[in-house]
Protein backbone atom coordinates (compact mmCIF):
# COMPACT_ATOMS: atom_id res chain seq x y z
CA MET A 1 0.00 0.00 0.00
CA SER A 2 1.28 3.46 -0.85
CA SER A 3 -0.23 6.57 0.66
CA VAL A 4 -0.53 9.71 -1.40
CA ASP A 5 0.78 13.19 -0.74
CA PRO A 6 -0.84 16.22 -2.36
CA SER A 7 2.57 17.05 -3.85
CA SER A 8 2.19 13.99 -6.10
CA ARG A 9 1.25 14.19 -9.76
CA PHE A 10 -2.41 14.79 -8.97
CA ALA A 11 -1.87 17.65 -6.53
CA ARG A 12 -1.82 20.28 -9.25
CA SER A 13 0.67 22.47 -7.37
CA THR A 14 3.70 22.35 -5.18
CA THR A 15 4.86 24.86 -2.62
CA ASP A 16 8.32 26.38 -2.44
CA ALA A 17 10.15 27.57 0.69
CA ARG A 18 8.30 30.90 0.63
CA GLY A 19 4.91 29.14 0.55
CA THR A 20 4.25 30.20 -3.04
CA ALA A 21 2.21 27.78 -5.10
CA ARG A 22 3.52 27.00 -8.56
CA ALA A 23 1.99 24.83 -11.25
CA THR A 24 3.21 21.30 -11.84
CA THR A 25 2.87 19.07 -14.87
CA THR A 26 0.46 16.16 -15.02
CA ASP A 27 0.25 13.05 -17.08
CA ALA A 28 -3.52 12.61 -16.57
CA ALA A 29 -4.17 13.41 -20.22
CA GLU A 30 -1.81 10.62 -21.26
CA ALA A 31 -3.96 7.95 -19.64
CA GLY A 32 -6.63 8.12 -22.33
CA PRO A 33 -10.32 8.97 -21.95
CA ALA A 34 -11.60 8.35 -18.43
CA ARG A 35 -14.82 6.48 -17.72
CA VAL A 36 -17.00 6.21 -14.67
CA PRO A 37 -17.47 2.79 -13.03
CA ALA A 38 -20.11 0.62 -14.63
CA ARG A 39 -22.06 0.52 -11.36
CA VAL A 40 -22.03 3.27 -8.73
CA GLY A 41 -23.72 3.26 -5.36
CA VAL A 42 -25.00 6.33 -3.49
CA LEU A 43 -25.91 6.06 0.19
CA GLY A 44 -28.50 8.75 0.88
CA GLY A 45 -30.84 10.10 -1.76
CA GLY A 46 -31.39 13.65 -0.53
CA ARG A 47 -30.62 16.74 -2.57
CA MET A 48 -26.89 16.01 -2.75
CA GLY A 49 -27.18 12.24 -3.09
CA SER A 50 -29.77 12.43 -5.85
CA GLY A 51 -27.64 15.00 -7.67
CA ILE A 52 -24.57 12.74 -7.47
CA ALA A 53 -26.64 9.80 -8.73
CA HIS A 54 -27.93 11.95 -11.60
CA ALA A 55 -24.41 12.98 -12.63
CA PHE A 56 -23.11 9.39 -12.78
CA ALA A 57 -26.18 8.13 -14.67
CA VAL A 58 -25.80 10.84 -17.33
CA ALA A 59 -22.12 9.78 -17.64
CA GLY A 60 -23.18 6.19 -18.38
CA ALA A 61 -23.20 4.37 -15.04
CA ARG A 62 -25.95 2.25 -13.57
CA VAL A 63 -26.67 3.70 -10.14
CA VAL A 64 -27.94 2.11 -6.93
CA VAL A 65 -29.36 4.62 -4.44
CA VAL A 66 -29.92 3.29 -0.92
CA GLU A 67 -32.26 5.15 1.43
CA ARG A 68 -33.18 4.53 5.07
CA ASP A 69 -36.86 3.64 4.46
CA ARG A 70 -39.41 3.23 1.69
CA GLU A 71 -40.86 6.71 2.08
CA SER A 72 -37.41 8.29 1.69
CA ALA A 73 -36.67 6.03 -1.29
CA ASP A 74 -39.88 7.15 -3.01
CA ALA A 75 -39.01 10.81 -2.38
CA SER A 76 -35.52 10.21 -3.79
CA GLY A 77 -36.99 8.67 -6.91
CA ARG A 78 -39.21 11.68 -7.49
CA ARG A 79 -36.27 14.01 -6.91
CA ILE A 80 -34.13 12.18 -9.45
CA ARG A 81 -36.87 12.04 -12.07
CA ASP A 82 -37.51 15.78 -11.70
CA SER A 83 -33.79 16.50 -12.02
CA LEU A 84 -33.48 14.33 -15.12
CA ARG A 85 -36.50 16.02 -16.68
CA ARG A 86 -35.03 19.49 -16.14
CA THR A 87 -31.72 18.39 -17.63
CA ALA A 88 -33.49 16.91 -20.65
CA GLU A 89 -35.43 20.14 -21.16
CA ARG A 90 -32.27 22.27 -20.93
CA SER A 91 -30.40 19.98 -23.32
CA ALA A 92 -33.25 20.04 -25.83
CA ALA A 93 -33.45 23.83 -25.67
CA ALA A 94 -29.71 24.09 -26.27
CA GLY A 95 -29.74 21.50 -29.05
CA GLU A 96 -27.39 19.22 -27.08
CA PRO A 97 -27.54 15.42 -27.34
CA LEU A 98 -28.69 13.50 -24.27
CA SER A 99 -29.88 9.94 -23.72
CA PRO A 100 -33.69 9.62 -23.78
CA LEU A 101 -35.32 10.33 -20.43
CA ASP A 102 -36.73 6.80 -20.17
CA ALA A 103 -33.29 5.28 -20.74
CA LEU A 104 -31.74 7.49 -18.07
CA SER A 105 -34.53 6.72 -15.61
CA SER A 106 -34.03 2.98 -16.11
CA ALA A 107 -30.38 3.33 -15.06
CA PHE A 108 -31.46 3.74 -11.41
CA THR A 109 -32.25 1.23 -8.71
CA ILE A 110 -33.66 2.97 -5.63
CA THR A 111 -33.88 0.71 -2.62
CA THR A 112 -33.46 0.30 1.12
CA ASP A 113 -31.24 -2.78 0.69
CA VAL A 114 -27.58 -1.89 1.27
CA SER A 115 -26.47 -5.35 0.08
CA LEU A 116 -27.06 -4.18 -3.52
CA PHE A 117 -23.82 -2.19 -3.20
CA GLU A 118 -21.96 -5.50 -3.58
CA SER A 119 -21.63 -5.09 -7.35
CA CYS A 120 -20.62 -1.40 -7.31
CA GLY A 121 -17.08 -0.27 -8.10
CA LEU A 122 -17.63 3.00 -6.25
CA VAL A 123 -19.98 3.85 -3.38
CA ILE A 124 -20.44 7.45 -2.22
CA GLU A 125 -21.96 8.27 1.16
CA ALA A 126 -24.14 11.39 1.01
CA VAL A 127 -26.03 11.48 4.33
CA PRO A 128 -26.37 14.72 6.38
CA GLU A 129 -23.26 16.47 7.71
CA ASP A 130 -23.14 14.74 11.08
CA ARG A 131 -19.90 13.05 12.13
CA THR A 132 -21.50 10.20 14.10
CA LEU A 133 -24.09 9.47 11.42
CA LYS A 134 -21.55 9.49 8.61
CA ALA A 135 -19.15 7.19 10.46
CA ALA A 136 -21.92 4.67 11.13
CA GLU A 137 -23.25 4.75 7.56
CA LEU A 138 -19.78 4.45 6.04
CA ALA A 139 -19.08 1.37 8.17
CA ARG A 140 -22.41 -0.12 7.05
CA ALA A 141 -21.58 0.54 3.40
CA GLU A 142 -18.05 -0.86 3.71
CA ALA A 143 -19.45 -4.11 5.09
CA ALA A 144 -21.59 -4.47 1.95
CA ILE A 145 -19.11 -3.62 -0.82
CA ALA A 146 -16.46 -5.75 -2.50
CA PRO A 147 -12.93 -5.52 -1.04
CA ASN A 148 -11.57 -3.83 -4.19
CA ALA A 149 -14.37 -1.23 -4.42
CA VAL A 150 -13.74 2.41 -3.54
CA LEU A 151 -15.71 4.03 -0.72
CA ALA A 152 -16.08 7.82 -0.63
CA THR A 153 -17.74 10.42 1.55
CA ASN A 154 -19.35 13.60 0.29
CA THR A 155 -18.50 15.51 3.47
CA SER A 156 -17.86 19.22 3.11
CA SER A 157 -16.04 19.72 6.40
CA ILE A 158 -15.51 16.57 8.50
CA PRO A 159 -11.89 15.32 8.45
CA ILE A 160 -11.35 12.17 6.42
CA GLU A 161 -9.12 10.78 9.17
CA ALA A 162 -11.99 10.94 11.66
CA LEU A 163 -14.30 9.04 9.32
CA ALA A 164 -11.64 6.52 8.29
CA ALA A 165 -11.24 5.49 11.93
CA SER A 166 -14.47 3.49 11.68
CA LEU A 167 -13.34 1.58 8.57
CA THR A 168 -11.34 -1.61 8.07
CA ARG A 169 -10.02 -0.61 4.62
CA PRO A 170 -9.03 3.08 4.91
CA GLN A 171 -6.68 2.65 1.94
CA ARG A 172 -9.78 2.34 -0.30
CA PHE A 173 -11.43 5.43 1.19
CA LEU A 174 -11.32 9.14 0.33
CA GLY A 175 -13.49 12.24 0.13
CA LEU A 176 -15.41 13.28 -2.99
CA HIS A 177 -16.92 16.66 -2.18
CA PHE A 178 -19.55 17.56 -4.77
CA PHE A 179 -21.28 20.93 -4.90
CA ASN A 180 -24.94 21.86 -5.03
CA PRO A 181 -26.60 21.69 -7.53
CA VAL A 182 -24.48 18.72 -8.58
CA PRO A 183 -25.60 18.37 -12.22
CA SER A 184 -24.49 21.90 -13.15
CA SER A 185 -21.62 22.48 -10.68
CA GLN A 186 -18.16 22.12 -12.17
CA LEU A 187 -15.95 21.41 -9.14
CA VAL A 188 -15.30 18.25 -7.13
CA GLU A 189 -12.76 18.18 -4.30
CA ILE A 190 -10.86 14.92 -3.88
CA ILE A 191 -9.79 14.76 -0.24
CA VAL A 192 -6.92 12.43 0.52
CA GLY A 193 -6.47 10.72 3.87
CA SER A 194 -3.11 9.57 5.23
CA ALA A 195 -3.95 5.93 4.40
CA THR A 196 -5.55 6.53 0.98
CA ASP A 197 -3.81 4.50 -1.72
CA SER A 198 -2.39 6.61 -4.54
CA ALA A 199 -4.09 4.36 -7.11
CA VAL A 200 -7.47 5.21 -5.56
CA VAL A 201 -6.74 8.92 -6.00
CA ASP A 202 -5.81 8.29 -9.63
CA GLU A 203 -9.07 6.42 -10.20
CA ALA A 204 -11.14 9.13 -8.52
CA TYR A 205 -9.47 11.83 -10.59
CA GLY A 206 -10.40 9.99 -13.77
CA TRP A 207 -13.99 9.43 -12.64
CA VAL A 208 -14.53 13.09 -11.81
CA SER A 209 -13.04 14.09 -15.16
CA ALA A 210 -15.39 11.64 -16.90
CA LEU A 211 -18.32 13.46 -15.29
CA GLY A 212 -17.19 16.59 -17.11
CA LYS A 213 -16.18 18.25 -13.83
CA ARG A 214 -12.90 19.76 -12.62
CA PRO A 215 -11.21 17.69 -9.88
CA ILE A 216 -8.88 19.31 -7.36
CA VAL A 217 -6.86 17.27 -4.90
CA VAL A 218 -6.72 18.50 -1.31
CA ARG A 219 -4.86 17.30 1.77
CA ASP A 220 -7.19 16.25 4.57
CA SER A 221 -7.68 19.29 6.82
CA PRO A 222 -10.71 20.96 8.39
CA GLY A 223 -12.90 22.52 5.71
CA PHE A 224 -10.55 21.36 2.96
CA ALA A 225 -10.14 24.20 0.41
CA SER A 226 -13.64 25.19 -0.66
CA SER A 227 -15.55 25.12 2.62
CA ARG A 228 -12.77 26.80 4.57
CA LEU A 229 -12.77 29.77 2.19
CA GLY A 230 -16.42 29.82 1.15
CA VAL A 231 -17.86 29.52 4.66
CA MET A 232 -15.62 32.30 5.97
CA LEU A 233 -16.93 34.65 3.28
CA GLY A 234 -20.52 33.53 3.80
CA LEU A 235 -20.39 33.99 7.59
CA GLU A 236 -18.98 37.49 7.26
CA ALA A 237 -21.72 38.39 4.75
CA ILE A 238 -24.34 37.17 7.26
CA ARG A 239 -22.75 39.25 10.04
CA MET A 240 -22.85 42.31 7.76
CA LEU A 241 -26.55 41.73 7.10
CA GLU A 242 -27.14 41.19 10.82
CA GLU A 243 -25.39 44.50 11.62
CA GLY A 244 -27.37 46.40 8.97
CA VAL A 245 -24.32 47.25 6.87
CA ALA A 246 -26.27 46.70 3.63
CA SER A 247 -29.11 44.66 2.18
CA ALA A 248 -28.63 41.06 1.06
CA GLU A 249 -28.90 42.15 -2.56
CA ASP A 250 -26.26 44.86 -2.16
CA ILE A 251 -23.84 42.66 -0.22
CA ASP A 252 -24.08 40.07 -2.98
CA ALA A 253 -23.74 42.73 -5.69
CA ALA A 254 -20.53 43.94 -4.05
CA MET A 255 -18.93 40.53 -4.60
CA GLU A 256 -20.53 39.84 -7.97
CA LEU A 257 -19.65 43.18 -9.55
CA GLY A 258 -16.63 44.21 -7.52
CA TYR A 259 -14.86 40.83 -7.36
CA ARG A 260 -16.46 39.03 -10.32
CA HIS A 261 -18.01 36.27 -8.22
CA PRO A 262 -20.74 34.63 -10.34
CA ILE A 263 -23.07 34.43 -7.30
CA GLY A 264 -22.90 36.44 -4.09
CA PRO A 265 -22.24 34.79 -0.70
CA LEU A 266 -25.80 35.14 0.63
CA ARG A 267 -27.45 33.75 -2.47
CA THR A 268 -24.86 30.95 -2.42
CA THR A 269 -25.79 30.20 1.19
CA ASP A 270 -29.43 29.91 0.15
CA ILE A 271 -28.49 27.44 -2.60
CA VAL A 272 -26.25 25.38 -0.31
CA GLY A 273 -28.83 25.43 2.49
CA LEU A 274 -28.58 27.43 5.69
CA ASP A 275 -28.71 24.26 7.78
CA VAL A 276 -25.80 22.80 5.82
CA ARG A 277 -23.78 25.99 6.18
CA LEU A 278 -24.51 26.07 9.91
CA ALA A 279 -23.34 22.47 10.35
CA ILE A 280 -20.12 23.21 8.47
CA ALA A 281 -19.50 26.36 10.51
CA GLU A 282 -20.00 24.48 13.76
CA GLU A 283 -17.57 21.77 12.65
CA LEU A 284 -14.97 24.37 11.65
CA GLU A 285 -15.46 26.28 14.89
CA ARG A 286 -14.65 23.09 16.80
CA THR A 287 -11.50 22.43 14.78
CA LEU A 288 -10.23 25.87 13.71
CA GLY A 289 -11.53 28.16 16.44
CA PRO A 290 -13.90 31.06 17.04
CA ARG A 291 -13.32 32.80 13.71
CA TYR A 292 -15.87 30.30 12.33
CA SER A 293 -18.46 30.96 15.05
CA PRO A 294 -21.89 31.07 13.36
CA PRO A 295 -23.77 34.41 13.57
CA GLU A 296 -26.94 34.42 15.63
CA LEU A 297 -28.93 35.40 12.52
CA LEU A 298 -27.91 32.13 10.87
CA ARG A 299 -28.84 30.10 13.95
CA ARG A 300 -32.21 31.86 14.21
CA MET A 301 -33.12 31.35 10.55
CA VAL A 302 -32.28 27.65 10.73
CA ALA A 303 -34.35 27.27 13.91
CA GLU A 304 -37.29 28.95 12.16
CA GLY A 305 -37.01 26.64 9.14
CA ASP A 306 -35.85 29.28 6.66
CA LEU A 307 -33.22 27.08 5.04
CA GLY A 308 -32.92 28.75 1.65
CA ARG A 309 -33.89 27.51 -1.75
CA LYS A 310 -35.03 24.07 -0.60
CA THR A 311 -37.70 25.56 1.69
CA GLY A 312 -38.54 28.53 -0.55
CA ARG A 313 -37.21 31.15 1.85
CA GLY A 314 -33.81 32.17 3.18
CA PHE A 315 -32.02 35.43 2.52
CA TYR A 316 -34.14 35.49 -0.65
CA GLU A 317 -37.53 34.19 -1.71
CA TRP A 318 -37.36 31.15 -4.03
CA ASN A 319 -40.12 29.90 -6.31
CA ASP A 320 -38.16 27.28 -8.32
CA ARG A 321 -37.81 24.40 -5.85
C-alpha cells in the first residue's frame, strides 16, 4: 500500500520555501479517456445524493441509491426524475444530445437494501453532515461492498481521518466533495487521507473528469479548500446583514460586480442550504476556532425553518424548488 501526498502528480501544485504555489505538470491526459465505473452506489438520496446519482447516470453508469426507508426512497426517486426532466429540457433547448429520459430513468435502482452495493465499483456516502451518522453509515456501506471497491464520503467539512477510523479498509477510502446543484456544478474536491492508496486517488481523478467536472486534490484538513474559504466569506456576509451594513442584494452585488463572483455569498448560502452551512461552521469552529463561530442570525433562521432555496425562503424568496 502506498499513501498519497498532495505534492504527487495529482496535486496540481507544489509549494516552495516561501509558501508560493507554482503549477506542476500532469500526465492525466496521457492515460486516455476516463470512464466512470459501470455501477455506482450512493448512500443517501437527498438533494446532494440524488444529484450525485444523476451525474453518474448521465455519464453512463448504472446507479444504486440506498435510502433509510421506503418513504425516503420514493421521495428520492421523485427528486431524481424531476432533475433528469429538467436536464433533458435544458439539453433540448440548447440542441445538445442526451440519452432519452426513459433510458436514463431505467439506469437507477432505488432501494433500502444496502447489500445491492456489492456489485458497485464506487460507493459514495451522502447522508447529512453529522460526524457520528456518517461514520456509522460508512461502516455499514463498507461491510456491503467488494474488497476492491472504492468508498467515498461527500462531506464538506468533517476530516477524512476521523471518518476513516471506523473503517477496516481506509486505503480504499477518500473524500469526494460535490457541490450543489451537482448536475451543473463544475468542481469536485478529492480529499486524501493519510492511508488513501495513490491508485485510488488516480481512479477518482479519472472518474470526476469523466463526469465533465474539474477535480482538485486536497490534503485532509478541516474545511478542505472550498468550505474553509467559502464559509468564511458567507459567515462574514451574514454578520454584515445582521449588523445592517447593507441589504442582502447589495452585499451580494458587491462581490458579484466588484470581485467578479458569479453568485454572491448570501445567495450561495441559500443554494447550499442554511442548515448545511450552519453544520459546516460548527464543525470548523470546533476544529479551527472562534473565527468560524456562526452568527446568531444564521442560527435563528435555521431554527425557524428558513433554510434557503429548498424551503422557498432564506435570505431570498425562491419559487423554483
